[in-house]
Amino acid sequence: MEGQTGWDYRYHLSTAPGTKLGGYPGWGQDPQPAVCTRCDGPMEHLLTFESDEGDAEPSRAWTPVEDRAVRLEHGGMMFGDMGGVCLFECLTCPDRPHTHHVDCV
């Protein structure tokens, strides 16, 4: 597909980048799915904090049209090397244990 359209599935089409509640994490490196240490089941993505809100140049596929002229940043917050922090929770266990993963770009 990339050869025909210039769009890369991982970076342009699969997950929206930036800080978000719910949805799917936009991994900068290989995905690191969270597993509950109590029940060994998969944990759900709760929220992500990213170092910036813009997506990869030059496409800016996920950036709203009205924001494409500016680069959105978080006032100096930086996680890892311009990465993010993903929080996960187990929806199976009654006390809803949680964990995090720092994803560096």
PDB file of N, CA and C in Angstrom:
ATOM      1  N   MET A   1       0.821  -1.202   0.000  1.00  0.00           N
ATOM      2  CA  MET A   1       0.000   0.000   0.000  1.00  0.00           C
ATOM      3  C   MET A   1       0.862   1.262   0.000  1.00  0.00           C
ATOM      4  N   GLU A   2       1.948   1.264   0.779  1.00  0.00           N
ATOM      5  CA  GLU A   2       2.771   2.469   0.867  1.00  0.00           C
ATOM      6  C   GLU A   2       3.340   2.867  -0.491  1.00  0.00           C
ATOM      7  N   GLY A   3       3.726   1.881  -1.298  1.00  0.00           N
ATOM      8  CA  GLY A   3       4.272   2.173  -2.609  1.00  0.00           C
ATOM      9  C   GLY A   3       3.288   2.875  -3.528  1.00  0.00           C
ATOM     10  N   GLN A   4       2.016   2.592  -3.368  1.00  0.00           N
ATOM     11  CA  GLN A   4       0.992   3.179  -4.224  1.00  0.00           C
ATOM     12  C   GLN A   4       0.482   4.520  -3.712  1.00  0.00           C
ATOM     13  N   THR A   5       0.390   4.674  -2.400  1.00  0.00           N
ATOM     14  CA  THR A   5      -0.243   5.868  -1.831  1.00  0.00           C
ATOM     15  C   THR A   5       0.692   6.793  -1.066  1.00  0.00           C
ATOM     16  N   GLY A   6       1.849   6.267  -0.626  1.00  0.00           N
ATOM     17  CA  GLY A   6       2.729   7.061   0.226  1.00  0.00           C
ATOM     18  C   GLY A   6       2.342   6.982   1.701  1.00  0.00           C
ATOM     19  N   TRP A   7       1.279   6.249   2.006  1.00  0.00           N
ATOM     20  CA  TRP A   7       0.806   6.105   3.383  1.00  0.00           C
ATOM     21  C   TRP A   7       1.369   4.824   3.989  1.00  0.00           C
ATOM     22  N   ASP A   8       1.945   4.929   5.170  1.00  0.00           N
ATOM     23  CA  ASP A   8       2.444   3.781   5.901  1.00  0.00           C
ATOM     24  C   ASP A   8       1.397   3.397   6.943  1.00  0.00           C
ATOM     25  N   TYR A   9       0.996   2.126   6.984  1.00  0.00           N
ATOM     26  CA  TYR A   9      -0.076   1.714   7.897  1.00  0.00           C
ATOM     27  C   TYR A   9       0.236   2.066   9.346  1.00  0.00           C
ATOM     28  N   ARG A  10       1.439   1.716   9.809  1.00  0.00           N
ATOM     29  CA  ARG A  10       1.777   1.935  11.221  1.00  0.00           C
ATOM     30  C   ARG A  10       1.751   3.414  11.605  1.00  0.00           C
ATOM     31  N   TYR A  11       2.314   4.264  10.766  1.00  0.00           N
ATOM     32  CA  TYR A  11       2.454   5.673  11.138  1.00  0.00           C
ATOM     33  C   TYR A  11       1.298   6.570  10.687  1.00  0.00           C
ATOM     34  N   HIS A  12       0.570   6.179   9.670  1.00  0.00           N
ATOM     35  CA  HIS A  12      -0.459   7.062   9.135  1.00  0.00           C
ATOM     36  C   HIS A  12      -1.893   6.594   9.354  1.00  0.00           C
ATOM     37  N   LEU A  13      -2.106   5.294   9.519  1.00  0.00           N
ATOM     38  CA  LEU A  13      -3.479   4.788   9.489  1.00  0.00           C
ATOM     39  C   LEU A  13      -3.930   3.991  10.710  1.00  0.00           C
ATOM     40  N   SER A  14      -3.008   3.430  11.503  1.00  0.00           N
ATOM     41  CA  SER A  14      -3.432   2.470  12.523  1.00  0.00           C
ATOM     42  C   SER A  14      -3.952   3.096  13.809  1.00  0.00           C
ATOM     43  N   THR A  15      -3.211   3.978  14.451  1.00  0.00           N
ATOM     44  CA  THR A  15      -3.664   4.592  15.709  1.00  0.00           C
ATOM     45  C   THR A  15      -3.344   6.083  15.713  1.00  0.00           C
ATOM     46  N   ALA A  16      -4.243   6.858  16.271  1.00  0.00           N
ATOM     47  CA  ALA A  16      -4.017   8.299  16.372  1.00  0.00           C
ATOM     48  C   ALA A  16      -2.943   8.571  17.421  1.00  0.00           C
ATOM     49  N   PRO A  17      -1.982   9.445  17.117  1.00  0.00           N
ATOM     50  CA  PRO A  17      -0.941   9.769  18.088  1.00  0.00           C
ATOM     51  C   PRO A  17      -1.446  10.786  19.112  1.00  0.00           C
ATOM     52  N   GLY A  18      -0.642  11.013  20.133  1.00  0.00           N
ATOM     53  CA  GLY A  18      -0.940  12.066  21.098  1.00  0.00           C
ATOM     54  C   GLY A  18      -1.562  11.567  22.386  1.00  0.00           C
ATOM     55  N   THR A  19      -1.776  12.502  23.299  1.00  0.00           N
ATOM     56  CA  THR A  19      -2.395  12.204  24.578  1.00  0.00           C
ATOM     57  C   THR A  19      -3.851  11.840  24.351  1.00  0.00           C
ATOM     58  N   LYS A  20      -4.275  10.727  24.964  1.00  0.00           N
ATOM     59  CA  LYS A  20      -5.650  10.288  24.743  1.00  0.00           C
ATOM     60  C   LYS A  20      -6.127   9.383  25.868  1.00  0.00           C
ATOM     61  N   LEU A  21      -7.424   9.343  26.010  1.00  0.00           N
ATOM     62  CA  LEU A  21      -8.095   8.486  26.974  1.00  0.00           C
ATOM     63  C   LEU A  21      -8.757   7.357  26.201  1.00  0.00           C
ATOM     64  N   GLY A  22      -8.389   6.111  26.501  1.00  0.00           N
ATOM     65  CA  GLY A  22      -8.957   4.965  25.801  1.00  0.00           C
ATOM     66  C   GLY A  22      -8.337   4.767  24.438  1.00  0.00           C
ATOM     67  N   GLY A  23      -8.987   3.960  23.648  1.00  0.00           N
ATOM     68  CA  GLY A  23      -8.464   3.662  22.323  1.00  0.00           C
ATOM     69  C   GLY A  23      -7.276   2.719  22.394  1.00  0.00           C
ATOM     70  N   TYR A  24      -6.365   2.869  21.465  1.00  0.00           N
ATOM     71  CA  TYR A  24      -5.204   1.998  21.384  1.00  0.00           C
ATOM     72  C   TYR A  24      -3.937   2.830  21.464  1.00  0.00           C
ATOM     73  N   PRO A  25      -2.918   2.317  22.161  1.00  0.00           N
ATOM     74  CA  PRO A  25      -1.656   3.067  22.232  1.00  0.00           C
ATOM     75  C   PRO A  25      -1.006   3.151  20.855  1.00  0.00           C
ATOM     76  N   GLY A  26      -0.381   4.262  20.570  1.00  0.00           N
ATOM     77  CA  GLY A  26       0.385   4.428  19.342  1.00  0.00           C
ATOM     78  C   GLY A  26       1.846   4.179  19.654  1.00  0.00           C
ATOM     79  N   TRP A  27       2.273   2.955  19.574  1.00  0.00           N
ATOM     80  CA  TRP A  27       3.621   2.571  19.986  1.00  0.00           C
ATOM     81  C   TRP A  27       4.687   3.215  19.116  1.00  0.00           C
ATOM     82  N   GLY A  28       5.718   3.799  19.735  1.00  0.00           N
ATOM     83  CA  GLY A  28       6.865   4.332  19.022  1.00  0.00           C
ATOM     84  C   GLY A  28       7.858   3.236  18.698  1.00  0.00           C
ATOM     85  N   GLN A  29       7.857   2.182  19.505  1.00  0.00           N
ATOM     86  CA  GLN A  29       8.695   1.012  19.287  1.00  0.00           C
ATOM     87  C   GLN A  29       7.774  -0.199  19.160  1.00  0.00           C
ATOM     88  N   ASP A  30       8.340  -1.388  19.252  1.00  0.00           N
ATOM     89  CA  ASP A  30       7.501  -2.590  19.172  1.00  0.00           C
ATOM     90  C   ASP A  30       6.460  -2.581  20.273  1.00  0.00           C
ATOM     91  N   PRO A  31       5.241  -3.019  19.983  1.00  0.00           N
ATOM     92  CA  PRO A  31       4.177  -3.042  20.998  1.00  0.00           C
ATOM     93  C   PRO A  31       4.569  -3.860  22.228  1.00  0.00           C
ATOM     94  N   GLN A  32       4.169  -3.369  23.384  1.00  0.00           N
ATOM     95  CA  GLN A  32       4.420  -4.036  24.659  1.00  0.00           C
ATOM     96  C   GLN A  32       3.096  -4.233  25.386  1.00  0.00           C
ATOM     97  N   PRO A  33       2.265  -5.179  24.948  1.00  0.00           N
ATOM     98  CA  PRO A  33       0.967  -5.372  25.604  1.00  0.00           C
ATOM     99  C   PRO A  33       1.150  -5.680  27.090  1.00  0.00           C
ATOM    100  N   ALA A  34       0.297  -5.113  27.911  1.00  0.00           N
ATOM    101  CA  ALA A  34       0.377  -5.313  29.359  1.00  0.00           C
ATOM    102  C   ALA A  34      -0.398  -6.567  29.750  1.00  0.00           C
ATOM    103  N   VAL A  35       0.186  -7.333  30.670  1.00  0.00           N
ATOM    104  CA  VAL A  35      -0.438  -8.548  31.186  1.00  0.00           C
ATOM    105  C   VAL A  35      -0.591  -8.389  32.696  1.00  0.00           C
ATOM    106  N   CYS A  36      -1.771  -8.710  33.213  1.00  0.00           N
ATOM    107  CA  CYS A  36      -2.057  -8.593  34.639  1.00  0.00           C
ATOM    108  C   CYS A  36      -1.222  -9.602  35.431  1.00  0.00           C
ATOM    109  N   THR A  37      -0.571  -9.152  36.484  1.00  0.00           N
ATOM    110  CA  THR A  37       0.249 -10.042  37.309  1.00  0.00           C
ATOM    111  C   THR A  37      -0.600 -10.912  38.236  1.00  0.00           C
ATOM    112  N   ARG A  38      -1.877 -10.603  38.377  1.00  0.00           N
ATOM    113  CA  ARG A  38      -2.753 -11.397  39.248  1.00  0.00           C
ATOM    114  C   ARG A  38      -3.475 -12.506  38.506  1.00  0.00           C
ATOM    115  N   CYS A  39      -4.049 -12.183  37.340  1.00  0.00           N
ATOM    116  CA  CYS A  39      -4.838 -13.186  36.612  1.00  0.00           C
ATOM    117  C   CYS A  39      -4.183 -13.634  35.305  1.00  0.00           C
ATOM    118  N   ASP A  40      -3.049 -13.046  34.956  1.00  0.00           N
ATOM    119  CA  ASP A  40      -2.335 -13.335  33.704  1.00  0.00           C
ATOM    120  C   ASP A  40      -3.139 -13.005  32.453  1.00  0.00           C
ATOM    121  N   GLY A  41      -4.195 -12.222  32.604  1.00  0.00           N
ATOM    122  CA  GLY A  41      -4.998 -11.811  31.458  1.00  0.00           C
ATOM    123  C   GLY A  41      -4.488 -10.515  30.856  1.00  0.00           C
ATOM    124  N   PRO A  42      -4.958 -10.178  29.662  1.00  0.00           N
ATOM    125  CA  PRO A  42      -4.540  -8.923  29.029  1.00  0.00           C
ATOM    126  C   PRO A  42      -5.134  -7.724  29.766  1.00  0.00           C
ATOM    127  N   MET A  43      -4.366  -6.659  29.833  1.00  0.00           N
ATOM    128  CA  MET A  43      -4.830  -5.414  30.446  1.00  0.00           C
ATOM    129  C   MET A  43      -5.267  -4.467  29.339  1.00  0.00           C
ATOM    130  N   GLU A  44      -6.214  -3.612  29.648  1.00  0.00           N
ATOM    131  CA  GLU A  44      -6.746  -2.655  28.671  1.00  0.00           C
ATOM    132  C   GLU A  44      -6.018  -1.322  28.769  1.00  0.00           C
ATOM    133  N   HIS A  45      -5.840  -0.687  27.616  1.00  0.00           N
ATOM    134  CA  HIS A  45      -5.235   0.649  27.576  1.00  0.00           C
ATOM    135  C   HIS A  45      -6.203   1.637  28.224  1.00  0.00           C
ATOM    136  N   LEU A  46      -5.716   2.370  29.208  1.00  0.00           N
ATOM    137  CA  LEU A  46      -6.538   3.357  29.903  1.00  0.00           C
ATOM    138  C   LEU A  46      -6.281   4.755  29.356  1.00  0.00           C
ATOM    139  N   LEU A  47      -5.003   5.167  29.337  1.00  0.00           N
ATOM    140  CA  LEU A  47      -4.687   6.479  28.797  1.00  0.00           C
ATOM    141  C   LEU A  47      -3.232   6.586  28.432  1.00  0.00           C
ATOM    142  N   THR A  48      -2.915   7.525  27.564  1.00  0.00           N
ATOM    143  CA  THR A  48      -1.552   7.789  27.124  1.00  0.00           C
ATOM    144  C   THR A  48      -1.257   9.270  27.268  1.00  0.00           C
ATOM    145  N   PHE A  49      -0.075   9.574  27.810  1.00  0.00           N
ATOM    146  CA  PHE A  49       0.478  10.932  27.821  1.00  0.00           C
ATOM    147  C   PHE A  49       1.631  10.924  26.835  1.00  0.00           C
ATOM    148  N   GLU A  50       1.625  11.822  25.863  1.00  0.00           N
ATOM    149  CA  GLU A  50       2.689  11.901  24.866  1.00  0.00           C
ATOM    150  C   GLU A  50       3.510  13.174  25.042  1.00  0.00           C
ATOM    151  N   SER A  51       4.743  13.129  24.538  1.00  0.00           N
ATOM    152  CA  SER A  51       5.616  14.302  24.611  1.00  0.00           C
ATOM    153  C   SER A  51       5.140  15.432  23.713  1.00  0.00           C
ATOM    154  N   ASP A  52       4.513  15.113  22.600  1.00  0.00           N
ATOM    155  CA  ASP A  52       3.915  16.151  21.760  1.00  0.00           C
ATOM    156  C   ASP A  52       2.657  15.602  21.103  1.00  0.00           C
ATOM    157  N   GLU A  53       1.879  16.484  20.552  1.00  0.00           N
ATOM    158  CA  GLU A  53       0.591  16.089  19.978  1.00  0.00           C
ATOM    159  C   GLU A  53       0.631  15.929  18.471  1.00  0.00           C
ATOM    160  N   GLY A  54       1.700  16.362  17.831  1.00  0.00           N
ATOM    161  CA  GLY A  54       1.756  16.282  16.378  1.00  0.00           C
ATOM    162  C   GLY A  54       2.126  14.902  15.913  1.00  0.00           C
ATOM    163  N   ASP A  55       1.741  14.564  14.699  1.00  0.00           N
ATOM    164  CA  ASP A  55       2.158  13.295  14.131  1.00  0.00           C
ATOM    165  C   ASP A  55       3.272  13.535  13.121  1.00  0.00           C
ATOM    166  N   ALA A  56       3.786  12.465  12.575  1.00  0.00           N
ATOM    167  CA  ALA A  56       4.977  12.519  11.737  1.00  0.00           C
ATOM    168  C   ALA A  56       4.802  13.428  10.521  1.00  0.00           C
ATOM    169  N   GLU A  57       5.813  14.229  10.255  1.00  0.00           N
ATOM    170  CA  GLU A  57       5.846  15.020   9.036  1.00  0.00           C
ATOM    171  C   GLU A  57       6.150  14.077   7.884  1.00  0.00           C
ATOM    172  N   PRO A  58       5.836  14.319   6.661  1.00  0.00           N
ATOM    173  CA  PRO A  58       5.148  15.510   6.217  1.00  0.00           C
ATOM    174  C   PRO A  58       3.631  15.344   6.146  1.00  0.00           C
ATOM    175  N   SER A  59       3.103  14.173   6.425  1.00  0.00           N
ATOM    176  CA  SER A  59       1.674  13.950   6.158  1.00  0.00           C
ATOM    177  C   SER A  59       0.753  14.625   7.153  1.00  0.00           C
ATOM    178  N   ARG A  60       1.109  14.583   8.449  1.00  0.00           N
ATOM    179  CA  ARG A  60       0.254  15.134   9.509  1.00  0.00           C
ATOM    180  C   ARG A  60      -1.160  14.574   9.369  1.00  0.00           C
ATOM    181  N   ALA A  61      -1.244  13.276   9.081  1.00  0.00           N
ATOM    182  CA  ALA A  61      -2.526  12.620   8.796  1.00  0.00           C
ATOM    183  C   ALA A  61      -3.537  12.737   9.922  1.00  0.00           C
ATOM    184  N   TRP A  62      -3.079  12.722  11.174  1.00  0.00           N
ATOM    185  CA  TRP A  62      -4.006  12.744  12.303  1.00  0.00           C
ATOM    186  C   TRP A  62      -4.220  14.144  12.857  1.00  0.00           C
ATOM    187  N   THR A  63      -3.488  15.117  12.366  1.00  0.00           N
ATOM    188  CA  THR A  63      -3.603  16.476  12.884  1.00  0.00           C
ATOM    189  C   THR A  63      -4.830  17.156  12.288  1.00  0.00           C
ATOM    190  N   PRO A  64      -5.699  17.736  13.127  1.00  0.00           N
ATOM    191  CA  PRO A  64      -6.857  18.451  12.584  1.00  0.00           C
ATOM    192  C   PRO A  64      -6.416  19.545  11.614  1.00  0.00           C
ATOM    193  N   VAL A  65      -7.197  19.785  10.590  1.00  0.00           N
ATOM    194  CA  VAL A  65      -6.863  20.762   9.553  1.00  0.00           C
ATOM    195  C   VAL A  65      -6.501  22.109  10.161  1.00  0.00           C
ATOM    196  N   GLU A  66      -7.266  22.561  11.157  1.00  0.00           N
ATOM    197  CA  GLU A  66      -7.018  23.883  11.742  1.00  0.00           C
ATOM    198  C   GLU A  66      -5.722  23.960  12.546  1.00  0.00           C
ATOM    199  N   ASP A  67      -5.110  22.811  12.879  1.00  0.00           N
ATOM    200  CA  ASP A  67      -3.869  22.808  13.657  1.00  0.00           C
ATOM    201  C   ASP A  67      -2.638  22.471  12.828  1.00  0.00           C
ATOM    202  N   ARG A  68      -2.783  22.260  11.540  1.00  0.00           N
ATOM    203  CA  ARG A  68      -1.651  21.810  10.726  1.00  0.00           C
ATOM    204  C   ARG A  68      -0.564  22.853  10.553  1.00  0.00           C
ATOM    205  N   ALA A  69      -0.861  24.107  10.753  1.00  0.00           N
ATOM    206  CA  ALA A  69       0.141  25.165  10.595  1.00  0.00           C
ATOM    207  C   ALA A  69       1.011  25.318  11.847  1.00  0.00           C
ATOM    208  N   VAL A  70       0.635  24.688  12.959  1.00  0.00           N
ATOM    209  CA  VAL A  70       1.395  24.817  14.198  1.00  0.00           C
ATOM    210  C   VAL A  70       1.778  23.443  14.722  1.00  0.00           C
ATOM    211  N   ARG A  71       2.836  23.396  15.502  1.00  0.00           N
ATOM    212  CA  ARG A  71       3.236  22.147  16.159  1.00  0.00           C
ATOM    213  C   ARG A  71       2.737  22.224  17.591  1.00  0.00           C
ATOM    214  N   LEU A  72       1.909  21.272  17.973  1.00  0.00           N
ATOM    215  CA  LEU A  72       1.330  21.265  19.309  1.00  0.00           C
ATOM    216  C   LEU A  72       2.273  20.580  20.290  1.00  0.00           C
ATOM    217  N   GLU A  73       2.638  21.262  21.359  1.00  0.00           N
ATOM    218  CA  GLU A  73       3.522  20.697  22.370  1.00  0.00           C
ATOM    219  C   GLU A  73       2.901  20.852  23.740  1.00  0.00           C
ATOM    220  N   HIS A  74       3.439  20.125  24.698  1.00  0.00           N
ATOM    221  CA  HIS A  74       2.903  20.099  26.057  1.00  0.00           C
ATOM    222  C   HIS A  74       3.685  20.963  27.028  1.00  0.00           C
ATOM    223  N   GLY A  75       4.095  22.107  26.680  1.00  0.00           N
ATOM    224  CA  GLY A  75       4.759  23.005  27.624  1.00  0.00           C
ATOM    225  C   GLY A  75       5.937  22.404  28.354  1.00  0.00           C
ATOM    226  N   GLY A  76       6.806  21.697  27.647  1.00  0.00           N
ATOM    227  CA  GLY A  76       8.028  21.202  28.251  1.00  0.00           C
ATOM    228  C   GLY A  76       7.971  19.784  28.794  1.00  0.00           C
ATOM    229  N   MET A  77       6.837  19.109  28.741  1.00  0.00           N
ATOM    230  CA  MET A  77       6.812  17.711  29.199  1.00  0.00           C
ATOM    231  C   MET A  77       7.491  16.841  28.154  1.00  0.00           C
ATOM    232  N   MET A  78       8.418  15.994  28.618  1.00  0.00           N
ATOM    233  CA  MET A  78       9.051  15.052  27.711  1.00  0.00           C
ATOM    234  C   MET A  78       9.195  13.721  28.435  1.00  0.00           C
ATOM    235  N   PHE A  79       8.731  12.662  27.784  1.00  0.00           N
ATOM    236  CA  PHE A  79       8.809  11.321  28.341  1.00  0.00           C
ATOM    237  C   PHE A  79       9.818  10.522  27.543  1.00  0.00           C
ATOM    238  N   GLY A  80      10.850  10.005  28.226  1.00  0.00           N
ATOM    239  CA  GLY A  80      11.889   9.260  27.523  1.00  0.00           C
ATOM    240  C   GLY A  80      12.552  10.174  26.506  1.00  0.00           C
ATOM    241  N   ASP A  81      12.683   9.699  25.292  1.00  0.00           N
ATOM    242  CA  ASP A  81      13.276  10.482  24.212  1.00  0.00           C
ATOM    243  C   ASP A  81      12.155  10.854  23.237  1.00  0.00           C
ATOM    244  N   MET A  82      11.295  11.803  23.679  1.00  0.00           N
ATOM    245  CA  MET A  82      10.114  12.243  22.932  1.00  0.00           C
ATOM    246  C   MET A  82       9.088  11.124  22.781  1.00  0.00           C
ATOM    247  N   GLY A  83       8.977  10.280  23.775  1.00  0.00           N
ATOM    248  CA  GLY A  83       8.023   9.177  23.743  1.00  0.00           C
ATOM    249  C   GLY A  83       6.776   9.485  24.533  1.00  0.00           C
ATOM    250  N   GLY A  84       6.258   8.462  25.190  1.00  0.00           N
ATOM    251  CA  GLY A  84       5.028   8.612  25.954  1.00  0.00           C
ATOM    252  C   GLY A  84       4.954   7.625  27.095  1.00  0.00           C
ATOM    253  N   VAL A  85       3.944   7.788  27.927  1.00  0.00           N
ATOM    254  CA  VAL A  85       3.672   6.876  29.028  1.00  0.00           C
ATOM    255  C   VAL A  85       2.254   6.347  28.823  1.00  0.00           C
ATOM    256  N   CYS A  86       2.126   5.031  28.765  1.00  0.00           N
ATOM    257  CA  CYS A  86       0.823   4.382  28.604  1.00  0.00           C
ATOM    258  C   CYS A  86       0.413   3.762  29.933  1.00  0.00           C
ATOM    259  N   LEU A  87      -0.812   4.001  30.349  1.00  0.00           N
ATOM    260  CA  LEU A  87      -1.353   3.391  31.559  1.00  0.00           C
ATOM    261  C   LEU A  87      -2.362   2.319  31.151  1.00  0.00           C
ATOM    262  N   PHE A  88      -2.317   1.189  31.856  1.00  0.00           N
ATOM    263  CA  PHE A  88      -3.191   0.057  31.576  1.00  0.00           C
ATOM    264  C   PHE A  88      -3.887  -0.386  32.856  1.00  0.00           C
ATOM    265  N   GLU A  89      -5.072  -1.000  32.716  1.00  0.00           N
ATOM    266  CA  GLU A  89      -5.769  -1.554  33.869  1.00  0.00           C
ATOM    267  C   GLU A  89      -6.378  -2.905  33.496  1.00  0.00           C
ATOM    268  N   CYS A  90      -6.529  -3.764  34.520  1.00  0.00           N
ATOM    269  CA  CYS A  90      -7.168  -5.061  34.318  1.00  0.00           C
ATOM    270  C   CYS A  90      -8.652  -4.911  34.623  1.00  0.00           C
ATOM    271  N   LEU A  91      -9.480  -5.212  33.649  1.00  0.00           N
ATOM    272  CA  LEU A  91     -10.917  -5.103  33.840  1.00  0.00           C
ATOM    273  C   LEU A  91     -11.532  -6.389  34.383  1.00  0.00           C
ATOM    274  N   THR A  92     -10.720  -7.446  34.499  1.00  0.00           N
ATOM    275  CA  THR A  92     -11.199  -8.730  35.005  1.00  0.00           C
ATOM    276  C   THR A  92     -11.120  -8.808  36.525  1.00  0.00           C
ATOM    277  N   CYS A  93     -10.025  -8.365  37.102  1.00  0.00           N
ATOM    278  CA  CYS A  93      -9.828  -8.434  38.555  1.00  0.00           C
ATOM    279  C   CYS A  93     -10.697  -7.390  39.257  1.00  0.00           C
ATOM    280  N   PRO A  94     -11.327  -7.742  40.378  1.00  0.00           N
ATOM    281  CA  PRO A  94     -12.246  -6.832  41.061  1.00  0.00           C
ATOM    282  C   PRO A  94     -11.600  -5.515  41.511  1.00  0.00           C
ATOM    283  N   ASP A  95     -10.318  -5.548  41.912  1.00  0.00           N
ATOM    284  CA  ASP A  95      -9.682  -4.316  42.383  1.00  0.00           C
ATOM    285  C   ASP A  95      -9.009  -3.525  41.263  1.00  0.00           C
ATOM    286  N   ARG A  96      -9.157  -3.977  40.021  1.00  0.00           N
ATOM    287  CA  ARG A  96      -8.659  -3.306  38.815  1.00  0.00           C
ATOM    288  C   ARG A  96      -7.200  -2.863  38.926  1.00  0.00           C
ATOM    289  N   PRO A  97      -6.278  -3.830  39.078  1.00  0.00           N
ATOM    290  CA  PRO A  97      -4.860  -3.461  39.148  1.00  0.00           C
ATOM    291  C   PRO A  97      -4.426  -2.708  37.885  1.00  0.00           C
ATOM    292  N   HIS A  98      -3.397  -1.911  38.009  1.00  0.00           N
ATOM    293  CA  HIS A  98      -2.930  -1.108  36.893  1.00  0.00           C
ATOM    294  C   HIS A  98      -1.407  -1.181  36.777  1.00  0.00           C
ATOM    295  N   THR A  99      -0.920  -0.791  35.639  1.00  0.00           N
ATOM    296  CA  THR A  99       0.513  -0.733  35.382  1.00  0.00           C
ATOM    297  C   THR A  99       0.773   0.332  34.324  1.00  0.00           C
ATOM    298  N   HIS A 100       2.032   0.578  34.025  1.00  0.00           N
ATOM    299  CA  HIS A 100       2.379   1.577  33.008  1.00  0.00           C
ATOM    300  C   HIS A 100       3.527   1.063  32.162  1.00  0.00           C
ATOM    301  N   HIS A 101       3.729   1.719  31.036  1.00  0.00           N
ATOM    302  CA  HIS A 101       4.855   1.416  30.148  1.00  0.00           C
ATOM    303  C   HIS A 101       5.333   2.744  29.571  1.00  0.00           C
ATOM    304  N   VAL A 102       6.651   2.990  29.660  1.00  0.00           N
ATOM    305  CA  VAL A 102       7.261   4.166  29.048  1.00  0.00           C
ATOM    306  C   VAL A 102       7.744   3.766  27.676  1.00  0.00           C
ATOM    307  N   ASP A 103       7.269   4.437  26.639  1.00  0.00           N
ATOM    308  CA  ASP A 103       7.591   4.125  25.269  1.00  0.00           C
ATOM    309  C   ASP A 103       8.443   5.254  24.714  1.00  0.00           C
ATOM    310  N   CYS A 104       9.716   4.976  24.480  1.00  0.00           N
ATOM    311  CA  CYS A 104      10.624   6.000  23.932  1.00  0.00           C
ATOM    312  C   CYS A 104      10.701   5.847  22.429  1.00  0.00           C
ATOM    313  N   VAL A 105      10.789   6.962  21.741  1.00  0.00           N
ATOM    314  CA  VAL A 105      10.852   6.929  20.281  1.00  0.00           C
ATOM    315  C   VAL A 105      12.278   6.708  19.838  1.00  0.00           C
TER     316      VAL A 105
END
